[in-house]
Protein backbone atom coordinates (compact mmCIF):
# COMPACT_ATOMS: atom_id res chain seq x y z
CA UNK A 1 -2.45 2.95 8.56
CA UNK A 2 -3.13 0.37 11.25
CA UNK A 3 -6.28 -0.97 12.89
CA UNK A 4 -6.71 -0.51 16.61
CA UNK A 5 -10.22 -1.72 17.44
CA UNK A 6 -13.29 -3.08 15.69
CA UNK A 7 -16.87 -3.40 16.92
CA UNK A 8 -19.43 -5.35 14.88
CA UNK A 9 -23.02 -4.89 15.90
CA UNK A 10 -24.58 -7.61 13.74
CA UNK A 11 -22.98 -9.45 10.82
CA UNK A 12 -23.35 -13.17 10.14
CA UNK A 13 -22.11 -14.97 13.29
CA UNK A 14 -20.76 -11.74 14.82
CA UNK A 15 -23.17 -10.19 17.34
CA UNK A 16 -22.03 -7.33 19.58
CA UNK A 17 -18.49 -8.42 18.73
CA UNK A 18 -15.29 -6.63 19.78
CA UNK A 19 -11.70 -7.27 18.79
CA UNK A 20 -8.54 -5.33 19.62
CA UNK A 21 -5.47 -5.02 17.41
CA UNK A 22 -3.22 -3.32 20.01
CA UNK A 23 -0.75 -4.66 22.57
CA UNK A 24 -0.80 -4.15 26.35
CA UNK A 25 0.81 -0.72 25.86
CA UNK A 26 -2.00 0.36 23.51
CA UNK A 27 0.35 0.24 20.51
CA UNK A 28 -1.03 -1.05 17.20
CA UNK A 29 0.42 -4.49 16.44
CA UNK A 30 2.38 -5.21 13.23
CA UNK A 31 0.98 -8.77 13.07
CA UNK A 32 -2.37 -10.20 14.20
CA UNK A 33 -3.08 -13.92 13.83
CA UNK A 34 -6.75 -14.97 13.79
CA UNK A 35 -7.20 -18.62 14.78
CA UNK A 36 -10.12 -20.86 15.64
CA UNK A 37 -12.08 -23.92 14.62
CA UNK A 38 -13.95 -24.13 11.32
CA UNK A 39 -17.03 -21.93 11.39
CA UNK A 40 -15.58 -19.46 13.89
CA UNK A 41 -15.60 -16.70 11.27
CA UNK A 42 -11.92 -16.07 10.51
CA UNK A 43 -12.38 -15.51 6.77
CA UNK A 44 -15.68 -13.67 7.32
CA UNK A 45 -13.89 -11.27 9.65
CA UNK A 46 -11.22 -10.50 7.04
CA UNK A 47 -13.91 -9.90 4.41
CA UNK A 48 -15.85 -7.67 6.79
CA UNK A 49 -12.79 -5.51 7.51
CA UNK A 50 -12.01 -5.24 3.81
CA UNK A 51 -15.57 -4.13 2.96
CA UNK A 52 -16.20 -2.21 6.18
CA UNK A 53 -17.07 1.11 4.53
CA UNK A 54 -19.70 -0.61 2.38
CA UNK A 55 -21.07 -2.32 5.50
CA UNK A 56 -21.80 1.08 7.04
CA UNK A 57 -24.90 1.28 4.87
CA UNK A 58 -26.49 -1.14 7.35
CA UNK A 59 -26.88 1.86 9.69
CA UNK A 60 -25.97 -0.14 12.80
CA UNK A 61 -23.60 0.69 15.63
CA UNK A 62 -20.51 -0.93 14.15
CA UNK A 63 -17.33 1.11 14.15
CA UNK A 64 -13.64 0.75 13.41
CA UNK A 65 -10.76 2.65 14.98
CA UNK A 66 -7.69 3.30 12.85
CA UNK A 67 -4.35 5.01 13.32
CA UNK A 68 -2.68 6.97 10.58
CA UNK A 69 1.06 7.32 10.01
CA UNK A 70 1.22 10.60 11.94
CA UNK A 71 -0.36 8.89 14.98
CA UNK A 72 -3.72 10.56 14.43
CA UNK A 73 -6.53 8.24 15.47
CA UNK A 74 -9.89 8.15 13.71
CA UNK A 75 -13.14 6.34 14.34
CA UNK A 76 -15.18 5.41 11.27
CA UNK A 77 -18.89 4.71 11.77
CA UNK A 78 -22.22 5.48 10.14
CA UNK A 79 -22.38 8.89 11.80
CA UNK A 80 -19.19 9.99 10.11
CA UNK A 81 -15.50 10.17 10.92
CA UNK A 82 -14.31 11.38 14.30
CA UNK A 83 -10.75 12.45 14.95
CA UNK A 84 -10.20 12.39 18.71
CA UNK A 85 -6.45 12.88 18.56
CA UNK A 86 -6.32 16.58 17.68
CA UNK A 87 -5.20 18.85 20.51
CA UNK A 88 -7.30 21.95 19.86
CA UNK A 89 -10.54 20.76 18.33
CA UNK A 90 -12.43 17.51 17.97
CA UNK A 91 -14.11 17.55 14.63
CA UNK A 92 -16.88 15.32 13.32
CA UNK A 93 -18.33 15.29 9.84
CA UNK A 94 -21.58 13.88 8.53
CA UNK A 95 -21.98 11.35 5.77
CA UNK A 96 -24.45 13.78 4.15
CA UNK A 97 -21.57 16.00 3.03
CA UNK A 98 -22.18 19.37 1.34
CA UNK A 99 -19.61 20.07 -1.41
CA UNK A 100 -20.26 23.84 -1.01
CA UNK A 101 -19.22 23.81 2.63
CA UNK A 102 -15.61 24.96 3.24
CA UNK A 103 -13.36 23.42 5.88
CA UNK A 104 -12.23 26.49 7.84
CA UNK A 105 -10.16 24.48 10.29
CA UNK A 106 -8.42 22.41 7.61
CA UNK A 107 -8.71 19.43 9.93
CA UNK A 108 -10.21 16.71 7.81
CA UNK A 109 -10.89 16.16 4.15
CA UNK A 110 -14.54 15.76 3.31
CA UNK A 111 -16.08 12.44 4.35
CA UNK A 112 -15.98 10.94 0.87
CA UNK A 113 -12.25 11.48 0.82
CA UNK A 114 -11.87 9.88 4.24
CA UNK A 115 -13.82 6.83 3.18
CA UNK A 116 -11.81 6.57 -0.03
CA UNK A 117 -8.66 6.86 2.06
CA UNK A 118 -9.89 4.01 4.24
CA UNK A 119 -10.66 1.69 1.33
CA UNK A 120 -7.42 2.45 -0.53
CA UNK A 121 -5.29 1.48 2.44
CA UNK A 122 -6.41 -2.15 2.61
CA UNK A 123 -4.93 -5.04 0.65
CA UNK A 124 -6.70 -8.42 0.66
CA UNK A 125 -4.75 -11.50 -0.41
CA UNK A 126 -7.21 -14.34 -0.71
CA UNK A 127 -6.42 -18.01 -1.17
CA UNK A 128 -6.59 -17.44 -4.95
CA UNK A 129 -3.32 -15.48 -5.36
CA UNK A 130 -1.43 -16.50 -8.49
CA UNK A 131 2.06 -16.12 -9.99
CA UNK A 132 0.28 -14.56 -12.99
CA UNK A 133 0.03 -11.38 -10.93
CA UNK A 134 3.82 -11.39 -10.49
CA UNK A 135 4.44 -11.84 -14.21
CA UNK A 136 2.33 -8.75 -14.91
CA UNK A 137 3.77 -6.67 -12.10
CA UNK A 138 7.47 -7.34 -12.55
CA UNK A 139 8.04 -5.59 -15.93
CA UNK A 140 5.95 -2.65 -14.71
CA UNK A 141 7.98 -2.46 -11.50
CA UNK A 142 11.32 -2.52 -13.35
CA UNK A 143 10.17 0.15 -15.81
CA UNK A 144 8.95 2.36 -12.97
CA UNK A 145 12.28 2.13 -11.16
CA UNK A 146 14.22 2.99 -14.33
CA UNK A 147 12.04 5.61 -16.01
CA UNK A 148 10.25 7.18 -13.03
CA UNK A 149 12.70 6.79 -10.15
CA UNK A 150 15.77 7.15 -12.36
CA UNK A 151 17.59 4.00 -11.26
CA UNK A 152 20.08 2.29 -13.50
CA UNK A 153 18.80 -0.98 -15.03
CA UNK A 154 21.49 -2.93 -13.15
CA UNK A 155 20.37 -1.45 -9.81
CA UNK A 156 16.70 -2.15 -10.56
CA UNK A 157 17.48 -5.76 -11.40
CA UNK A 158 19.70 -6.08 -8.31
CA UNK A 159 16.87 -4.84 -6.08
CA UNK A 160 14.44 -7.44 -7.42
CA UNK A 161 17.09 -10.14 -6.99
CA UNK A 162 17.60 -9.12 -3.36
CA UNK A 163 13.85 -9.18 -2.68
CA UNK A 164 13.54 -12.65 -4.18
CA UNK A 165 16.54 -14.15 -2.46
CA UNK A 166 15.54 -12.67 0.90
CA UNK A 167 12.27 -14.59 0.66
CA UNK A 168 13.99 -17.83 -0.35
CA UNK A 169 16.77 -17.42 2.25
CA UNK A 170 14.28 -17.12 5.10
CA UNK A 171 12.79 -20.43 3.99
CA UNK A 172 16.19 -22.17 3.88
CA UNK A 173 15.51 -23.41 0.35
CA UNK A 174 18.15 -24.80 -1.99
CA UNK A 175 17.17 -22.55 -4.89
CA UNK A 176 17.98 -18.95 -5.73
CA UNK A 177 16.75 -16.35 -8.17
CA UNK A 178 18.62 -16.27 -11.48
CA UNK A 179 17.09 -13.84 -13.94
CA UNK A 180 14.00 -12.53 -15.67
CA UNK A 181 13.03 -11.79 -19.23
CA UNK A 182 11.20 -8.85 -20.79
CA UNK A 183 7.83 -10.55 -20.44
CA UNK A 184 8.05 -10.84 -16.66
CA UNK A 185 9.00 -14.51 -16.56
CA UNK A 186 11.18 -15.38 -13.58
CA UNK A 187 13.95 -17.96 -13.67
CA UNK A 188 15.64 -19.78 -10.81
CA UNK A 189 18.49 -22.22 -10.34
CA UNK A 190 19.62 -24.66 -7.71
CA UNK A 191 22.34 -23.23 -5.49
CA UNK A 192 25.71 -24.04 -7.04
CA UNK A 193 24.07 -25.17 -10.28
CA UNK A 194 23.82 -23.60 -13.72
CA UNK A 195 20.61 -24.98 -15.22
CA UNK A 196 17.76 -22.46 -15.10
CA UNK A 197 14.07 -23.23 -14.64
CA UNK A 198 11.04 -20.96 -14.70
CA UNK A 199 8.79 -19.96 -11.85
CA UNK A 200 6.17 -22.31 -13.30
CA UNK A 201 8.47 -25.23 -12.47
CA UNK A 202 8.69 -24.36 -8.77
CA UNK A 203 6.75 -26.37 -6.22
CA UNK A 204 3.19 -25.26 -5.47
CA UNK A 205 4.33 -24.05 -2.05
CA UNK A 206 7.17 -21.96 -3.48
CA UNK A 207 4.86 -20.39 -6.05
CA UNK A 208 2.19 -19.68 -3.41
CA UNK A 209 4.61 -17.88 -1.12
CA UNK A 210 6.41 -15.95 -3.85
CA UNK A 211 3.11 -14.85 -5.39
CA UNK A 212 2.03 -13.31 -2.09
CA UNK A 213 5.23 -11.95 -0.55
CA UNK A 214 6.86 -10.69 -3.76
CA UNK A 215 3.56 -9.10 -4.72
CA UNK A 216 3.80 -6.89 -1.61
CA UNK A 217 7.31 -5.78 -2.58
CA UNK A 218 6.54 -5.15 -6.25
CA UNK A 219 3.45 -3.12 -5.43
CA UNK A 220 5.65 -1.07 -3.09
CA UNK A 221 3.08 -1.49 -0.34
CA UNK A 222 3.76 0.72 2.68
CA UNK A 223 1.67 2.07 5.55
CA UNK A 224 -1.25 -0.22 4.77
CA UNK A 225 -3.32 -2.97 6.38
CA UNK A 226 -2.76 -6.31 4.63
CA UNK A 227 -5.33 -9.07 5.09
CA UNK A 228 -4.12 -12.60 4.25
CA UNK A 229 -6.35 -15.67 4.24
CA UNK A 230 -4.70 -19.02 4.98
CA UNK A 231 -1.07 -18.23 4.08
CA UNK A 232 -0.20 -21.84 4.93
CA UNK A 233 -1.92 -23.32 1.85
CA UNK A 234 0.42 -25.65 -0.07
CA UNK A 235 3.32 -24.87 2.28
CA UNK A 236 5.39 -27.62 3.83
CA UNK A 237 5.09 -27.66 7.68
CA UNK A 238 8.71 -26.50 8.00
CA UNK A 239 7.81 -23.44 5.90
CA UNK A 240 4.66 -22.82 7.90
CA UNK A 241 6.92 -22.44 10.94
CA UNK A 242 8.85 -19.68 9.16
CA UNK A 243 6.30 -17.83 7.07
CA UNK A 244 5.01 -15.64 9.91
CA UNK A 245 8.50 -14.22 10.48
CA UNK A 246 8.73 -13.31 6.79
CA UNK A 247 5.48 -11.35 7.04
CA UNK A 248 6.53 -9.78 10.34
CA UNK A 249 9.80 -8.56 8.81
CA UNK A 250 7.87 -7.05 5.91
CA UNK A 251 5.36 -5.34 8.21
CA UNK A 252 8.06 -3.78 10.39
CA UNK A 253 10.17 -2.69 7.42
CA UNK A 254 7.26 -1.04 5.61
CA UNK A 255 5.15 0.21 8.54
CA UNK A 256 2.30 -2.13 7.64
CA UNK A 257 -0.07 -4.18 9.72
CA UNK A 258 -0.68 -7.74 8.54
CA UNK A 259 -3.76 -9.63 9.74
CA UNK A 260 -3.71 -13.35 9.03
CA UNK A 261 -6.51 -15.93 9.26
CA UNK A 262 -5.08 -19.42 9.67
CA UNK A 263 -5.81 -23.05 10.47
CA UNK A 264 -2.13 -23.90 10.80
CA UNK A 265 -0.93 -25.03 14.25
CA UNK A 266 2.61 -24.36 12.99
CA UNK A 267 1.86 -20.68 12.34
CA UNK A 268 0.04 -20.38 15.66
CA UNK A 269 2.94 -22.03 17.49
CA UNK A 270 5.40 -19.58 15.89
CA UNK A 271 3.37 -16.47 16.84
CA UNK A 272 4.08 -14.27 19.82
CA UNK A 273 1.35 -14.34 22.47
CA UNK A 274 0.41 -10.71 21.86
CA UNK A 275 -0.22 -11.41 18.15
CA UNK A 276 -2.77 -14.19 18.73
CA UNK A 277 -6.54 -13.72 18.66
CA UNK A 278 -8.66 -16.86 19.08
CA UNK A 279 -12.24 -16.76 17.79
CA UNK A 280 -14.34 -18.97 20.05
CA UNK A 281 -18.04 -19.90 19.93
CA UNK A 282 -19.56 -19.03 23.29
CA UNK A 283 -23.28 -18.70 24.14
CA UNK A 284 -24.23 -18.83 20.45
CA UNK A 285 -21.94 -16.00 19.43
CA UNK A 286 -18.27 -15.46 18.58
CA UNK A 287 -15.97 -13.94 21.19
CA UNK A 288 -12.23 -13.20 21.13
CA UNK A 289 -9.81 -14.82 23.55
CA UNK A 290 -6.16 -13.84 24.02
CA UNK A 291 -3.23 -15.50 25.75
CA UNK A 292 -1.74 -13.47 28.57
CA UNK A 293 1.18 -15.54 29.86
CA UNK A 294 1.15 -18.64 27.63
CA UNK A 295 -0.52 -21.22 29.87
CA UNK A 296 -0.28 -23.81 27.11
CA UNK A 297 2.65 -25.75 25.75
CA UNK A 298 3.37 -24.10 22.41
CA UNK A 299 3.71 -27.35 20.48
CA UNK A 300 1.53 -28.19 17.51
CA UNK A 301 -0.11 -31.21 19.17
CA UNK A 302 -1.35 -29.16 22.11
CA UNK A 303 -2.57 -26.39 19.82
CA UNK A 304 -4.40 -28.86 17.59
CA UNK A 305 -6.20 -30.48 20.52
CA UNK A 306 -6.96 -27.55 22.81
CA UNK A 307 -7.34 -24.57 20.47
CA UNK A 308 -8.26 -25.97 17.07
CA UNK A 309 -10.58 -28.71 18.34
CA UNK A 310 -8.78 -31.41 16.39
CA UNK A 311 -7.22 -34.63 17.60
CA UNK A 312 -3.64 -35.18 16.56
CA UNK A 313 -4.08 -38.90 17.31
CA UNK A 314 -6.33 -41.23 15.32
CA UNK A 315 -9.52 -41.88 17.28
CA UNK A 316 -8.89 -45.63 17.12
CA UNK A 317 -5.45 -45.25 18.70
CA UNK A 318 -6.78 -42.99 21.45
CA UNK A 319 -9.49 -45.54 22.33
CA UNK A 320 -6.96 -48.42 22.37
CA UNK A 321 -4.62 -46.51 24.66
CA UNK A 322 -7.47 -45.63 27.00
CA UNK A 323 -8.51 -49.29 27.27
CA UNK A 324 -4.89 -50.43 27.76
CA UNK A 325 -4.45 -47.88 30.55
CA UNK A 326 -7.61 -49.16 32.25
CA UNK A 327 -6.29 -52.73 32.13
CA UNK A 328 -2.96 -51.54 33.55
CA UNK A 329 -4.72 -49.78 36.44
CA UNK A 330 -6.62 -53.04 37.13
CA UNK A 331 -3.39 -55.10 37.07
CA UNK A 332 -4.46 -57.05 33.99
CA UNK A 333 -1.60 -56.41 31.54
CA UNK A 334 -0.80 -60.13 31.38
CA UNK A 335 -4.24 -61.04 30.08
CA UNK A 336 -4.90 -62.01 26.47
CA UNK A 337 -7.09 -58.93 26.05
CA UNK A 338 -4.24 -56.62 27.08
CA UNK A 339 -1.78 -58.37 24.76
CA UNK A 340 -4.18 -58.09 21.83
CA UNK A 341 -4.67 -54.38 22.49
CA UNK A 342 -0.90 -53.90 22.79
CA UNK A 343 -0.40 -55.47 19.35
CA UNK A 344 -3.02 -53.17 17.85
CA UNK A 345 -1.33 -50.11 19.40
CA UNK A 346 2.00 -51.27 17.96
CA UNK A 347 0.46 -50.98 14.50
CA UNK A 348 0.40 -47.21 15.09
CA UNK A 349 3.54 -46.58 17.18
CA UNK A 350 6.59 -48.35 18.58
CA UNK A 351 7.11 -49.89 22.00
CA UNK A 352 9.39 -46.89 22.71
CA UNK A 353 6.60 -44.34 22.21
CA UNK A 354 5.78 -41.83 24.92
CA UNK A 355 2.64 -43.82 25.77
CA UNK A 356 4.52 -47.08 26.47
CA UNK A 357 7.29 -45.14 28.23
CA UNK A 358 4.63 -43.69 30.51
CA UNK A 359 3.30 -47.18 31.28
CA UNK A 360 6.86 -48.41 32.02
CA UNK A 361 7.50 -45.43 34.30
CA UNK A 362 4.30 -46.08 36.25
CA UNK A 363 5.27 -49.76 36.54
CA UNK A 364 8.63 -48.79 38.04
CA UNK A 365 6.94 -46.48 40.56
CA UNK A 366 4.69 -49.32 41.69
CA UNK A 367 7.74 -51.55 42.25
């Protein structure tokens, strides 16, 4: 299942709010990245989607449009569930369902089944994910592959090893998966080394990522909407640049849609334009903005300043550079004031910084 559109009539900071999860060809996206300043409602939006069916009790005009695996499209709202993708008959049910009423057209299950279907096809990974979940899931997963799916123990173990090493390989780490024990404990080793260490000895970032990504594999999650809040937590910036691709590969491989809420300029910079949705405060409400052609430089500094509302330079340095530039424009760089300001700037950056190179370039232009 994938989301296509969402309309929120009135919830917290969302008033008459619309967001699309499709590309320019009206195809549901595998990845959607929600970005914005603090207070723009990224986490609230994930929580609203996850609890949407419960929110319908508010009896407002909110609705959500979803697409099932067979390309059938449904709208869920307080009035019921509408399927507008059937060729011969559009069929709408009421929430006040009558268990005695047959379904002569065999078009839709009863509403309660549709709502259960909706809720069961959403996974929410909050910032509280833990490796404890993996320790519980792994033995169960191995047993299921051996005793239910009939795989040989060696093949089951090999599959888990491949999952784990795929995650680590995409991050260009220097560790690899080694083994597990009967209690679900995972052991790793440095590449080329022999000494084993447990998952508890990994860095916080490694544990955070493994707990979320491996969880999706072990739960055999397919054809679902996965909501992830702040996947960048505890990850090194170099990993933040790569984590989105890991999730994208998973979504495409398993026909899932992953919706991420993030503060990370590295994740935003690594996202395709069509995946990005910026939540912006405008006229006392939240609206969605999208990039069409990429009018911005896709570097983290530009994203921090223009989209996240954060300065990548210390305020003190920015003020010093502004004053130094003013003195340059007035032809006063030889004054004591200018020299004092230059020394203060040099406490933050070298004489070869882009700022001083810009001053030198302007000097050369002026002869």
